Amino acid sequence: MSRYGVIVWLGLVLLAVSAGAQTAVTTSGGTTNAVPVFTGSGTVGNSPISVSGGNVGIGTTSPQYQLDLSGNEHINTGIIIFSTSNLDQGGNTGLQANPFGWTRIDPNGSRFLMPVPASRVATADNILDIERTDTWEHLMELHADGSAFWLGNVGIGTTAPAYKLDVAGQIRTSSGGIVYPDGTMQVTAFIPANCGADYAESVGVSGRREQYGPGDLLVIDPDHAGKFLRSDQAYSTMVAGIYSTRPGFVGRLHPASDPASKAEVPMAMVGRVPTKVSAENGPIHVGDLLVTSTTMGYAMKGTDRSRMLGAVVGKALGSLDSGKGVIEVLVTLQ
């Protein structure tokens, strides 16, 4: 056979082998609507991916959505789900939400974002944004710096919070203190006893009873015999006692059932009682003698010995470094 004949023969053999391979591949195993995968050098089988009605399924042969995953998924780089009308083409930050919204889930659950109102922009410092899907009302937003925005009541340890922040358990603050609605800050904790440790008398007060509260420092009202006021002058010798938080015993001039009792308050005159104090005359330490201050209803440390005779309400059993607070005081009028 000539050289030309050998070449022609080899070409025919290769064509036959190729045709046989193609025939073997196209006639090997597989299922209709299943995406094929080579299971061998010349064998086709089924992959986990299937198509049904235009939907693609992974791990399911009957996908109900455009992409239907059945089983666990692991994503290393995170996922963003959005509508084409609200994605900032300049990048992932500055995403502006609309009623169709967007959701971003980063790896390991480090970031989870849901839509915010159109007037608010979710930026990279938002750790968590959540809003209702029916009204698109913004509910919660947490930031990387620890600041937060809340709407409605938040419960920690309870699923039925009755207040803006309702904690079922203990709360700890490692620095600073607790600021109250009137602007005062309590930095020294006061732990009341299970029962009262003071003797109090039920006394009438001038003005509305609702204006008075436990811990108020009380003085004799010079204009109304038998009645008392909250103190408002420093070193007042009219000091009489302290509005008792939980009196151990209450003395009365008339029965407790008397309608007059409703307009009276328990004024501690002996024993230990929580007292409102101010550091306006310097920090208060245990053992300091306390007198009235210029802050209405508050006691302060007495330092002017020439003015303290008859003005001392008691001795401090707690400390207050600055601002205002409540400490336990041993009532010792002198």
Protein backbone atom coordinates (compact mmCIF):
# COMPACT_ATOMS: atom_id res chain seq x y z
CA MET A 1 0.00 0.00 0.00
CA SER A 2 1.31 3.40 -0.94
CA ARG A 3 2.07 6.10 1.66
CA TYR A 4 -1.00 8.00 0.50
CA GLY A 5 -3.15 4.92 1.00
CA VAL A 6 -1.88 4.43 4.55
CA ILE A 7 -2.75 8.01 5.44
CA VAL A 8 -6.24 7.62 4.05
CA TRP A 9 -6.70 4.39 5.95
CA LEU A 10 -5.62 5.92 9.26
CA GLY A 11 -7.98 8.81 8.70
CA LEU A 12 -10.92 6.46 8.17
CA VAL A 13 -10.01 4.57 11.35
CA LEU A 14 -9.92 7.80 13.40
CA LEU A 15 -13.27 8.90 12.01
CA ALA A 16 -14.80 5.58 12.95
CA VAL A 17 -13.36 5.73 16.47
CA SER A 18 -14.61 9.30 16.88
CA ALA A 19 -18.08 8.43 15.65
CA GLY A 20 -18.17 5.47 17.99
CA ALA A 21 -17.16 7.65 20.95
CA GLN A 22 -19.81 10.25 20.13
CA THR A 23 -22.39 7.53 19.76
CA ALA A 24 -21.36 6.04 23.10
CA VAL A 25 -21.62 9.39 24.90
CA THR A 26 -24.95 10.40 23.45
CA THR A 27 -26.54 7.02 24.08
CA SER A 28 -25.22 6.53 27.63
CA GLY A 29 -27.33 6.88 30.79
CA GLY A 30 -29.17 10.09 31.71
CA THR A 31 -32.62 11.40 32.61
CA THR A 32 -34.80 13.85 30.74
CA ASN A 33 -34.55 17.43 32.09
CA ALA A 34 -31.53 16.52 34.24
CA VAL A 35 -28.31 18.35 33.61
CA PRO A 36 -25.80 15.66 32.56
CA VAL A 37 -22.37 15.05 33.99
CA PHE A 38 -19.60 12.77 32.76
CA THR A 39 -19.29 9.83 35.12
CA GLY A 40 -16.54 8.26 33.05
CA SER A 41 -14.44 8.97 29.98
CA GLY A 42 -17.33 8.05 27.74
CA THR A 43 -20.33 7.78 30.10
CA VAL A 44 -22.97 10.39 30.93
CA GLY A 45 -24.99 10.29 34.13
CA ASN A 46 -27.22 12.58 36.21
CA SER A 47 -25.90 15.56 38.18
CA PRO A 48 -27.72 16.98 41.28
CA ILE A 49 -29.02 19.77 39.02
CA SER A 50 -32.35 19.40 37.24
CA VAL A 51 -34.70 21.63 35.26
CA SER A 52 -38.48 21.67 35.47
CA GLY A 53 -40.82 24.24 33.96
CA GLY A 54 -38.03 26.77 33.61
CA ASN A 55 -36.99 26.37 37.26
CA VAL A 56 -33.58 25.05 38.26
CA GLY A 57 -33.27 22.69 41.19
CA ILE A 58 -30.20 21.58 43.12
CA GLY A 59 -30.85 18.46 45.15
CA THR A 60 -34.48 18.34 44.00
CA THR A 61 -36.10 17.16 40.76
CA SER A 62 -39.19 19.32 41.23
CA PRO A 63 -37.98 22.91 41.78
CA GLN A 64 -40.74 25.38 42.70
CA TYR A 65 -38.70 28.54 42.16
CA GLN A 66 -36.24 29.86 39.62
CA LEU A 67 -33.50 28.49 41.86
CA ASP A 68 -34.61 25.89 44.39
CA LEU A 69 -31.97 24.50 46.78
CA SER A 70 -32.63 21.39 48.86
CA GLY A 71 -30.12 20.75 51.62
CA ASN A 72 -27.44 22.74 53.41
CA GLU A 73 -25.59 25.53 51.62
CA HIS A 74 -22.23 27.04 52.51
CA ILE A 75 -21.22 30.43 51.10
CA ASN A 76 -17.69 31.69 51.69
CA THR A 77 -18.06 35.22 50.36
CA GLY A 78 -21.59 36.18 51.45
CA ILE A 79 -24.74 36.79 49.47
CA ILE A 80 -26.76 39.85 48.47
CA ILE A 81 -30.36 39.54 47.30
CA PHE A 82 -31.85 42.63 45.71
CA SER A 83 -34.20 43.99 43.10
CA THR A 84 -32.53 45.56 40.07
CA SER A 85 -34.17 48.89 40.83
CA ASN A 86 -32.47 49.48 44.18
CA LEU A 87 -28.86 48.41 43.79
CA ASP A 88 -26.26 51.13 43.85
CA GLN A 89 -24.16 50.27 40.83
CA GLY A 90 -21.18 51.97 42.44
CA GLY A 91 -20.79 49.22 45.03
CA ASN A 92 -22.44 47.45 47.95
CA THR A 93 -22.48 50.47 50.25
CA GLY A 94 -25.15 53.07 49.81
CA LEU A 95 -27.86 50.55 48.99
CA GLN A 96 -31.16 52.42 49.00
CA ALA A 97 -34.15 50.31 50.02
CA ASN A 98 -37.58 50.35 48.39
CA PRO A 99 -40.66 48.23 49.20
CA PHE A 100 -39.08 45.26 47.43
CA GLY A 101 -35.95 45.77 49.48
CA TRP A 102 -32.76 43.86 49.63
CA THR A 103 -31.11 41.46 52.00
CA ARG A 104 -27.44 40.89 52.64
CA ILE A 105 -25.99 37.96 54.55
CA ASP A 106 -22.25 37.87 55.14
CA PRO A 107 -20.23 34.74 56.00
CA ASN A 108 -20.46 33.31 59.50
CA GLY A 109 -23.50 35.49 60.22
CA SER A 110 -21.29 38.53 60.82
CA ARG A 111 -23.67 40.82 58.93
CA PHE A 112 -27.37 40.57 58.23
CA LEU A 113 -29.19 43.48 56.63
CA MET A 114 -32.82 43.92 55.73
CA PRO A 115 -34.54 46.91 54.11
CA VAL A 116 -34.81 50.29 55.80
CA PRO A 117 -37.19 53.13 54.85
CA ALA A 118 -36.35 55.16 51.78
CA SER A 119 -35.42 58.09 54.00
CA ARG A 120 -32.63 56.07 55.62
CA VAL A 121 -29.57 54.65 53.90
CA ALA A 122 -27.98 51.42 55.07
CA THR A 123 -24.21 51.84 55.11
CA ALA A 124 -21.28 49.64 55.92
CA ASP A 125 -21.47 50.37 59.68
CA ASN A 126 -24.97 48.87 59.97
CA ILE A 127 -24.64 45.44 61.53
CA LEU A 128 -28.35 44.67 61.67
CA ASP A 129 -31.38 46.30 60.05
CA ILE A 130 -34.85 44.82 60.44
CA GLU A 131 -38.24 46.15 59.38
CA ARG A 132 -41.73 44.73 58.98
CA THR A 133 -42.52 43.20 55.62
CA ASP A 134 -46.18 44.26 55.61
CA THR A 135 -45.85 47.95 56.52
CA TRP A 136 -42.09 48.39 56.00
CA GLU A 137 -41.96 50.04 59.39
CA HIS A 138 -38.39 50.28 60.67
CA LEU A 139 -38.02 48.19 63.83
CA MET A 140 -34.37 47.84 64.74
CA GLU A 141 -30.96 49.02 63.61
CA LEU A 142 -27.63 48.18 65.23
CA HIS A 143 -24.32 49.85 64.38
CA ALA A 144 -20.72 48.74 64.69
CA ASP A 145 -20.00 51.47 67.25
CA GLY A 146 -22.59 50.01 69.61
CA SER A 147 -25.30 52.60 68.98
CA ALA A 148 -28.79 51.37 68.23
CA PHE A 149 -32.16 52.50 66.98
CA TRP A 150 -35.30 50.76 68.22
CA LEU A 151 -38.99 51.11 67.61
CA GLY A 152 -41.36 49.48 70.05
CA ASN A 153 -40.47 47.45 73.15
CA VAL A 154 -37.35 45.31 73.37
CA GLY A 155 -37.11 42.30 75.63
CA ILE A 156 -33.96 40.54 76.86
CA GLY A 157 -34.80 37.26 78.52
CA THR A 158 -38.51 37.83 77.93
CA THR A 159 -40.69 37.47 74.85
CA ALA A 160 -43.32 39.88 76.17
CA PRO A 161 -41.53 43.16 76.98
CA ALA A 162 -43.79 45.70 78.69
CA TYR A 163 -41.33 48.61 78.49
CA LYS A 164 -38.97 50.16 75.92
CA LEU A 165 -36.27 47.90 77.39
CA ASP A 166 -37.48 45.02 79.54
CA VAL A 167 -34.75 42.81 81.00
CA ALA A 168 -35.58 39.60 82.84
CA GLY A 169 -32.36 39.17 84.81
CA GLN A 170 -29.45 41.18 86.13
CA ILE A 171 -28.00 44.29 84.47
CA ARG A 172 -24.36 45.36 84.85
CA THR A 173 -22.68 48.66 84.01
CA SER A 174 -18.89 48.55 84.13
CA SER A 175 -18.33 52.31 83.99
CA GLY A 176 -20.29 55.53 84.43
CA GLY A 177 -23.66 55.17 86.07
CA ILE A 178 -27.41 55.21 85.53
CA VAL A 179 -28.93 58.48 84.33
CA TYR A 180 -32.53 59.12 85.40
CA PRO A 181 -35.22 61.17 83.58
CA ASP A 182 -34.49 64.26 85.67
CA GLY A 183 -30.88 64.21 84.47
CA THR A 184 -29.36 62.94 87.71
CA MET A 185 -26.87 60.09 87.61
CA GLN A 186 -26.55 57.32 90.18
CA VAL A 187 -23.04 55.91 90.37
CA THR A 188 -23.31 54.32 93.82
CA ALA A 189 -25.70 51.39 94.03
CA PHE A 190 -28.24 51.28 96.81
CA ILE A 191 -29.59 47.88 97.84
CA PRO A 192 -32.62 48.25 100.11
CA ALA A 193 -33.27 45.80 102.91
CA ASN A 194 -36.02 43.24 102.64
CA CYS A 195 -37.91 45.15 105.32
CA GLY A 196 -37.70 48.63 106.73
CA ALA A 197 -35.02 49.54 109.24
CA ASP A 198 -36.42 52.86 110.36
CA TYR A 199 -39.13 54.44 112.46
CA ALA A 200 -41.36 56.85 110.54
CA GLU A 201 -44.37 59.00 111.29
CA SER A 202 -47.22 59.67 108.91
CA VAL A 203 -47.17 63.42 108.39
CA GLY A 204 -49.01 65.95 106.26
CA VAL A 205 -47.14 67.83 103.53
CA SER A 206 -47.78 71.16 101.90
CA GLY A 207 -48.87 71.12 98.29
CA ARG A 208 -49.76 68.01 96.32
CA ARG A 209 -48.59 64.70 97.76
CA GLU A 210 -47.66 63.51 94.25
CA GLN A 211 -44.80 66.04 94.22
CA TYR A 212 -43.02 64.11 96.98
CA GLY A 213 -41.10 60.88 96.62
CA PRO A 214 -39.12 58.37 98.73
CA GLY A 215 -35.72 59.70 99.74
CA ASP A 216 -36.80 63.36 99.85
CA LEU A 217 -35.29 65.38 102.67
CA LEU A 218 -38.10 67.07 104.61
CA VAL A 219 -38.15 70.24 106.70
CA ILE A 220 -40.79 71.88 108.89
CA ASP A 221 -43.12 74.19 106.95
CA PRO A 222 -42.89 77.51 108.84
CA ASP A 223 -46.10 78.78 107.29
CA HIS A 224 -48.33 75.78 108.00
CA ALA A 225 -48.29 74.29 111.47
CA GLY A 226 -47.91 70.52 111.55
CA LYS A 227 -46.92 70.21 107.89
CA PHE A 228 -43.64 69.58 106.11
CA LEU A 229 -41.87 70.60 102.90
CA ARG A 230 -38.98 69.39 100.77
CA SER A 231 -35.80 71.17 101.79
CA ASP A 232 -34.34 73.80 99.45
CA GLN A 233 -31.83 75.73 101.60
CA ALA A 234 -28.38 74.72 102.79
CA TYR A 235 -27.85 74.01 106.50
CA SER A 236 -31.54 74.44 107.37
CA THR A 237 -32.22 73.98 111.09
CA MET A 238 -35.82 73.15 110.16
CA VAL A 239 -34.74 69.69 108.96
CA ALA A 240 -37.11 67.06 110.33
CA GLY A 241 -36.59 63.73 108.57
CA ILE A 242 -36.60 61.77 105.32
CA TYR A 243 -39.45 60.41 103.20
CA SER A 244 -39.15 56.69 104.05
CA THR A 245 -38.88 54.22 101.19
CA ARG A 246 -39.98 51.20 103.20
CA PRO A 247 -40.60 52.07 106.86
CA GLY A 248 -40.29 49.36 109.46
CA PHE A 249 -42.86 51.05 111.65
CA VAL A 250 -45.19 53.99 111.00
CA GLY A 251 -46.63 56.05 113.82
CA ARG A 252 -49.88 57.94 113.28
CA LEU A 253 -52.00 60.53 115.01
CA HIS A 254 -55.11 58.90 113.57
CA PRO A 255 -56.08 55.46 112.16
CA ALA A 256 -54.63 54.40 108.82
CA SER A 257 -58.16 54.16 107.46
CA ASP A 258 -58.71 57.87 108.09
CA PRO A 259 -59.04 59.76 104.75
CA ALA A 260 -56.38 62.16 106.02
CA SER A 261 -53.78 59.40 105.66
CA LYS A 262 -54.06 59.55 101.88
CA ALA A 263 -52.57 63.05 101.91
CA GLU A 264 -49.67 62.12 104.21
CA VAL A 265 -46.23 60.60 103.70
CA PRO A 266 -44.07 58.44 106.02
CA MET A 267 -41.23 60.58 107.40
CA ALA A 268 -38.31 58.59 108.85
CA MET A 269 -36.98 60.12 112.09
CA VAL A 270 -34.86 57.24 113.42
CA GLY A 271 -32.98 54.38 111.79
CA ARG A 272 -31.54 53.64 108.35
CA VAL A 273 -33.29 54.95 105.27
CA PRO A 274 -32.45 55.58 101.56
CA THR A 275 -31.83 59.30 101.08
CA LYS A 276 -31.37 61.54 98.05
CA VAL A 277 -27.94 63.14 98.22
CA SER A 278 -25.93 65.62 96.17
CA ALA A 279 -22.17 66.08 95.88
CA GLU A 280 -22.58 69.86 95.48
CA ASN A 281 -20.50 70.40 98.65
CA GLY A 282 -17.94 67.73 97.76
CA PRO A 283 -17.85 63.92 97.55
CA ILE A 284 -19.72 62.09 100.27
CA HIS A 285 -17.95 59.33 102.19
CA VAL A 286 -19.15 56.86 104.79
CA GLY A 287 -19.50 58.57 108.15
CA ASP A 288 -19.94 62.12 106.83
CA LEU A 289 -22.50 64.27 108.63
CA LEU A 290 -25.28 65.28 106.23
CA VAL A 291 -27.25 68.51 106.09
CA THR A 292 -29.79 70.04 103.74
CA SER A 293 -28.54 71.36 100.38
CA THR A 294 -29.72 73.99 97.92
CA THR A 295 -31.08 71.20 95.70
CA MET A 296 -34.71 70.61 96.61
CA GLY A 297 -35.17 67.44 98.63
CA TYR A 298 -31.44 66.51 98.64
CA ALA A 299 -28.88 66.27 101.43
CA MET A 300 -25.18 67.16 101.13
CA LYS A 301 -22.04 66.75 103.18
CA GLY A 302 -21.78 69.29 106.01
CA THR A 303 -18.44 71.05 106.28
CA ASP A 304 -19.23 74.35 108.02
CA ARG A 305 -19.21 73.36 111.69
CA SER A 306 -20.52 76.76 112.73
CA ARG A 307 -23.79 76.10 110.88
CA MET A 308 -24.32 72.42 111.64
CA LEU A 309 -25.86 72.64 115.11
CA GLY A 310 -29.51 71.61 114.66
CA ALA A 311 -28.99 71.16 110.90
CA VAL A 312 -27.65 67.57 110.78
CA VAL A 313 -30.11 64.99 109.52
CA GLY A 314 -27.86 61.94 109.84
CA LYS A 315 -24.65 60.09 108.99
CA ALA A 316 -23.80 58.70 105.56
CA LEU A 317 -23.65 54.91 105.32
CA GLY A 318 -22.71 55.04 101.63
CA SER A 319 -20.62 57.12 99.25
CA LEU A 320 -21.27 59.44 96.32
CA ASP A 321 -18.33 60.70 94.26
CA SER A 322 -20.15 63.16 92.01
CA GLY A 323 -23.54 64.31 90.79
CA LYS A 324 -26.66 63.09 92.57
CA GLY A 325 -27.74 59.75 93.86
CA VAL A 326 -29.34 57.74 96.64
CA ILE A 327 -27.41 56.30 99.58
CA GLU A 328 -28.38 54.78 102.88
CA VAL A 329 -28.33 57.22 105.78
CA LEU A 330 -28.48 56.63 109.54
CA VAL A 331 -31.02 59.24 110.65
CA THR A 332 -29.60 61.03 113.72
CA LEU A 333 -31.16 64.46 114.02
CA GLN A 334 -28.88 66.82 115.95
